[in-house]
Amino acid sequence: MNKGRLEAFSDGVFSIVVTLLVFSIKLPVLQQPVTDVQLWKGIAPLAPIISVYFITFAVLSVLWVNHHFLFHAFAKSIDRWLNLLNLAYLMFVAFVPFSAQLIGEYPTHQPAALVYGINLLVIILLSSSMLYYMRTNREKFLSPAISQRLINQARFRAYLSISCYVIGIALSWLSPALSIFFYAFPVVFNIIPGTVDAAERLFGFDLGEGDVPANWEEQ
C-alpha cells in the first residue's frame, strides 16, 4: 500500500466518525402545541450530550490534524507494521462515537468517564507508537525536511496528552466532570498557535533548534 491510500482511508474514517458524533443528539419529543418554556425544558437535559459533542469534535479535529501532519509531513514512506499500527489507531478512533455518547448520556457516572478516557488514551498511545517507530527507522521513514524541533514538539504534545488522560482517568473515581476537563485540556496546546513556545518560556525548558542534525542522531 502506498502512503496516499493510507491517508485517504484514514481521512474517510475520520470523516465518518466526526459525522456520527452528532447522531447522539436526539431532538426532544414534545406534545403539540409546544410553548417556548416547554421547549427549553426539553432541550435542557441535552446539555451534557451537546457539551460532550463539542469537546469530542475538538479532540477528533486535533487527532486528525496530527495524523495528517504525521503521514503527510513526517513520513516519506510506510511499511506493513506502520500500516497495522495505523489500522489499530483507526479502530479506536471509530470507537469514539460510542464512548462519547456513553459519557454524554451518563456524565456523572464513573464507568462512562473511564471508558471515554481509556479510549482517548489508547488512541494517543498508538499515535505515539507510530511516531516512535518512524524515529527508530529515521532514514527509512522520516522526511529529511523535518527538523528535530518539530519531532520534539510532537513528543511533547503526546506526553502532555498522555499525562492529562491518565490524570483524567484517575479522577474519574472522584469527579467525572473534572476528568472531562483533563480530557479536553490538551486541545489547547494543539489548536492555539504558540502555546508550546509559551510553555518553553514559562517553564524554562528547551525543545531544541529547528535544524535537522546532519547525522540524524538523537539530541
Protein backbone atom coordinates (compact mmCIF):
# COMPACT_ATOMS: atom_id res chain seq x y z
CA MET A 1 0.00 0.00 0.00
CA ASN A 2 1.28 3.45 -0.83
CA LYS A 3 1.14 6.39 1.54
CA GLY A 4 -1.60 8.14 -0.41
CA ARG A 5 -4.06 5.27 0.03
CA LEU A 6 -3.37 5.11 3.77
CA GLU A 7 -4.02 8.84 4.13
CA ALA A 8 -7.21 8.66 2.02
CA PHE A 9 -8.60 5.73 4.01
CA SER A 10 -7.72 7.40 7.32
CA ASP A 11 -9.37 10.67 6.25
CA GLY A 12 -12.50 8.71 5.32
CA VAL A 13 -12.66 7.07 8.76
CA PHE A 14 -12.25 10.44 10.49
CA SER A 15 -14.99 11.97 8.31
CA ILE A 16 -17.45 9.21 9.21
CA VAL A 17 -16.57 9.29 12.92
CA VAL A 18 -16.98 13.06 13.18
CA THR A 19 -20.33 12.85 11.39
CA LEU A 20 -21.58 10.06 13.65
CA LEU A 21 -21.00 12.21 16.73
CA VAL A 22 -23.99 14.42 16.02
CA PHE A 23 -26.40 11.46 15.81
CA SER A 24 -26.15 11.01 19.57
CA ILE A 25 -28.08 14.30 19.96
CA LYS A 26 -31.78 13.49 19.70
CA LEU A 27 -34.50 16.10 19.43
CA PRO A 28 -36.87 16.13 22.42
CA VAL A 29 -40.26 14.56 21.75
CA LEU A 30 -42.93 17.00 22.96
CA GLN A 31 -46.68 17.05 22.56
CA GLN A 32 -48.05 19.75 20.29
CA PRO A 33 -48.67 22.61 20.70
CA VAL A 34 -45.34 23.40 22.33
CA THR A 35 -44.57 26.58 24.24
CA ASP A 36 -41.12 28.14 24.40
CA VAL A 37 -40.83 27.22 28.07
CA GLN A 38 -41.64 23.58 27.32
CA LEU A 39 -39.11 23.52 24.50
CA TRP A 40 -36.37 24.94 26.73
CA LYS A 41 -37.22 22.33 29.36
CA GLY A 42 -36.99 19.67 26.68
CA ILE A 43 -33.62 20.91 25.45
CA ALA A 44 -32.06 21.35 28.91
CA PRO A 45 -31.43 17.61 29.52
CA LEU A 46 -29.43 17.54 26.27
CA ALA A 47 -26.80 19.94 27.65
CA PRO A 48 -24.32 17.21 28.72
CA ILE A 49 -24.60 15.41 25.36
CA ILE A 50 -24.17 18.67 23.43
CA SER A 51 -21.16 19.65 25.58
CA VAL A 52 -19.50 16.28 25.02
CA TYR A 53 -20.21 16.63 21.30
CA PHE A 54 -18.28 19.91 21.06
CA ILE A 55 -15.43 18.64 23.26
CA THR A 56 -15.12 15.41 21.28
CA PHE A 57 -15.33 17.23 17.96
CA ALA A 58 -12.40 19.40 19.05
CA VAL A 59 -10.44 16.35 20.25
CA LEU A 60 -11.04 14.49 16.99
CA SER A 61 -10.11 17.59 15.00
CA VAL A 62 -6.76 17.70 16.81
CA LEU A 63 -6.24 13.98 16.25
CA TRP A 64 -6.99 14.36 12.54
CA VAL A 65 -4.63 17.33 12.14
CA ASN A 66 -1.85 15.49 13.98
CA HIS A 67 -2.45 12.31 11.97
CA HIS A 68 -2.38 14.27 8.73
CA PHE A 69 0.85 16.00 9.75
CA LEU A 70 2.40 12.70 10.83
CA PHE A 71 1.87 10.99 7.49
CA HIS A 72 1.89 13.94 5.10
CA ALA A 73 4.88 15.84 6.52
CA PHE A 74 6.82 13.39 8.72
CA ALA A 75 6.58 10.10 6.84
CA LYS A 76 8.17 9.70 3.44
CA SER A 77 7.11 6.02 3.21
CA ILE A 78 5.21 3.32 5.08
CA ASP A 79 5.58 -0.41 5.62
CA ARG A 80 3.36 -3.26 6.82
CA TRP A 81 3.93 -2.61 10.54
CA LEU A 82 3.21 1.09 10.23
CA ASN A 83 0.05 0.29 8.32
CA LEU A 84 -1.06 -2.17 11.02
CA LEU A 85 -0.39 0.40 13.75
CA ASN A 86 -2.47 2.89 11.81
CA LEU A 87 -5.34 0.41 11.45
CA ALA A 88 -5.29 -0.22 15.21
CA TYR A 89 -5.28 3.56 15.73
CA LEU A 90 -8.32 3.98 13.43
CA MET A 91 -10.14 1.13 15.19
CA PHE A 92 -10.11 3.10 18.44
CA VAL A 93 -10.91 6.37 16.63
CA ALA A 94 -14.02 4.65 15.24
CA PHE A 95 -14.98 3.70 18.83
CA VAL A 96 -15.11 7.36 19.92
CA PRO A 97 -18.79 7.99 18.99
CA PHE A 98 -19.80 5.19 21.38
CA SER A 99 -17.62 6.36 24.28
CA ALA A 100 -18.70 9.98 23.67
CA GLN A 101 -22.39 9.04 23.67
CA LEU A 102 -21.85 6.99 26.83
CA ILE A 103 -20.38 9.90 28.78
CA GLY A 104 -22.91 12.30 27.26
CA GLU A 105 -25.81 10.14 28.48
CA TYR A 106 -24.22 9.40 31.87
CA PRO A 107 -21.94 12.38 32.64
CA THR A 108 -21.92 11.84 36.40
CA HIS A 109 -21.07 8.13 36.27
CA GLN A 110 -17.51 6.89 36.73
CA PRO A 111 -17.67 4.00 34.20
CA ALA A 112 -18.66 6.41 31.42
CA ALA A 113 -15.77 8.80 32.20
CA LEU A 114 -13.41 5.84 32.47
CA VAL A 115 -14.34 4.32 29.10
CA TYR A 116 -14.09 7.71 27.38
CA GLY A 117 -10.66 8.41 28.90
CA ILE A 118 -9.27 4.97 28.11
CA ASN A 119 -10.49 5.34 24.52
CA LEU A 120 -8.59 8.62 24.09
CA LEU A 121 -5.52 7.30 25.93
CA VAL A 122 -5.21 4.25 23.66
CA ILE A 123 -5.52 6.49 20.58
CA ILE A 124 -2.70 8.79 21.69
CA LEU A 125 -0.54 5.82 22.72
CA LEU A 126 -0.93 4.30 19.27
CA SER A 127 -0.16 7.66 17.65
CA SER A 128 2.97 7.92 19.79
CA SER A 129 3.90 4.37 18.82
CA MET A 130 3.75 5.30 15.14
CA LEU A 131 5.99 8.32 15.71
CA TYR A 132 8.39 6.21 17.78
CA TYR A 133 8.51 3.56 15.05
CA MET A 134 9.33 6.24 12.49
CA ARG A 135 12.02 7.74 14.72
CA THR A 136 13.72 4.39 15.27
CA ASN A 137 13.88 3.93 11.49
CA ARG A 138 14.63 7.54 10.56
CA GLU A 139 16.35 7.05 7.23
CA LYS A 140 13.57 4.74 6.02
CA PHE A 141 10.53 6.71 7.17
CA LEU A 142 11.22 10.29 8.26
CA SER A 143 11.40 13.06 5.73
CA PRO A 144 14.79 14.85 5.88
CA ALA A 145 12.90 18.17 5.79
CA ILE A 146 11.55 17.55 9.31
CA SER A 147 13.54 19.34 11.98
CA GLN A 148 14.45 17.81 15.31
CA ARG A 149 12.49 20.59 16.98
CA LEU A 150 9.26 19.50 15.22
CA ILE A 151 9.85 15.94 16.37
CA ASN A 152 10.45 17.13 19.93
CA GLN A 153 7.30 19.27 19.82
CA ALA A 154 5.27 16.27 18.65
CA ARG A 155 6.68 14.20 21.51
CA PHE A 156 5.92 17.00 23.99
CA ARG A 157 2.29 17.19 22.86
CA ALA A 158 1.99 13.41 23.06
CA TYR A 159 3.44 13.27 26.59
CA LEU A 160 1.17 16.13 27.68
CA SER A 161 -1.89 14.36 26.28
CA ILE A 162 -0.95 11.04 27.87
CA SER A 163 -0.40 12.74 31.24
CA CYS A 164 -3.75 14.56 31.08
CA TYR A 165 -5.64 11.41 30.06
CA VAL A 166 -4.04 9.38 32.85
CA ILE A 167 -4.92 12.08 35.39
CA GLY A 168 -8.45 12.28 34.00
CA ILE A 169 -8.88 8.51 34.25
CA ALA A 170 -7.65 8.56 37.86
CA LEU A 171 -10.00 11.43 38.70
CA SER A 172 -13.00 9.62 37.21
CA TRP A 173 -13.42 7.84 40.54
CA LEU A 174 -13.66 11.19 42.34
CA SER A 175 -15.27 13.55 39.84
CA PRO A 176 -16.28 12.55 36.29
CA ALA A 177 -16.82 16.24 35.45
CA LEU A 178 -13.24 17.08 36.44
CA SER A 179 -11.91 14.17 34.43
CA ILE A 180 -13.63 15.60 31.33
CA PHE A 181 -11.71 18.85 31.88
CA PHE A 182 -8.40 16.97 31.72
CA TYR A 183 -9.51 15.09 28.61
CA ALA A 184 -10.18 18.40 26.88
CA PHE A 185 -7.14 20.32 28.16
CA PRO A 186 -4.57 19.03 25.59
CA VAL A 187 -6.69 20.56 22.83
CA VAL A 188 -5.37 23.99 23.93
CA PHE A 189 -1.78 23.01 23.11
CA ASN A 190 -2.77 21.70 19.70
CA ILE A 191 -5.20 24.36 18.47
CA ILE A 192 -3.87 27.67 19.80
CA PRO A 193 -0.68 28.65 17.92
CA GLY A 194 2.41 29.38 20.01
CA THR A 195 1.30 27.56 23.17
CA VAL A 196 4.28 25.19 23.13
CA ASP A 197 6.70 28.11 22.66
CA ALA A 198 4.98 29.93 25.53
CA ALA A 199 5.29 26.84 27.74
CA GLU A 200 9.01 26.67 26.97
CA ARG A 201 9.49 30.26 28.10
CA LEU A 202 7.23 29.92 31.13
CA PHE A 203 8.70 26.68 32.49
CA GLY A 204 12.25 27.17 31.27
CA PHE A 205 12.76 24.09 29.09
CA ASP A 206 14.08 23.87 25.53
CA LEU A 207 12.82 21.59 22.78
CA GLY A 208 15.83 22.27 20.59
CA GLU A 209 16.60 24.17 17.44
CA GLY A 210 14.92 23.97 14.08
CA ASP A 211 17.72 22.44 12.03
CA VAL A 212 17.92 18.72 11.38
CA PRO A 213 21.18 17.20 12.63
CA ALA A 214 23.33 16.09 9.72
CA ASN A 215 23.90 12.65 11.20
CA TRP A 216 20.27 12.22 12.38
CA GLU A 217 21.45 11.29 15.86
CA GLU A 218 19.26 11.74 18.92
CA GLN A 219 19.75 15.02 20.75
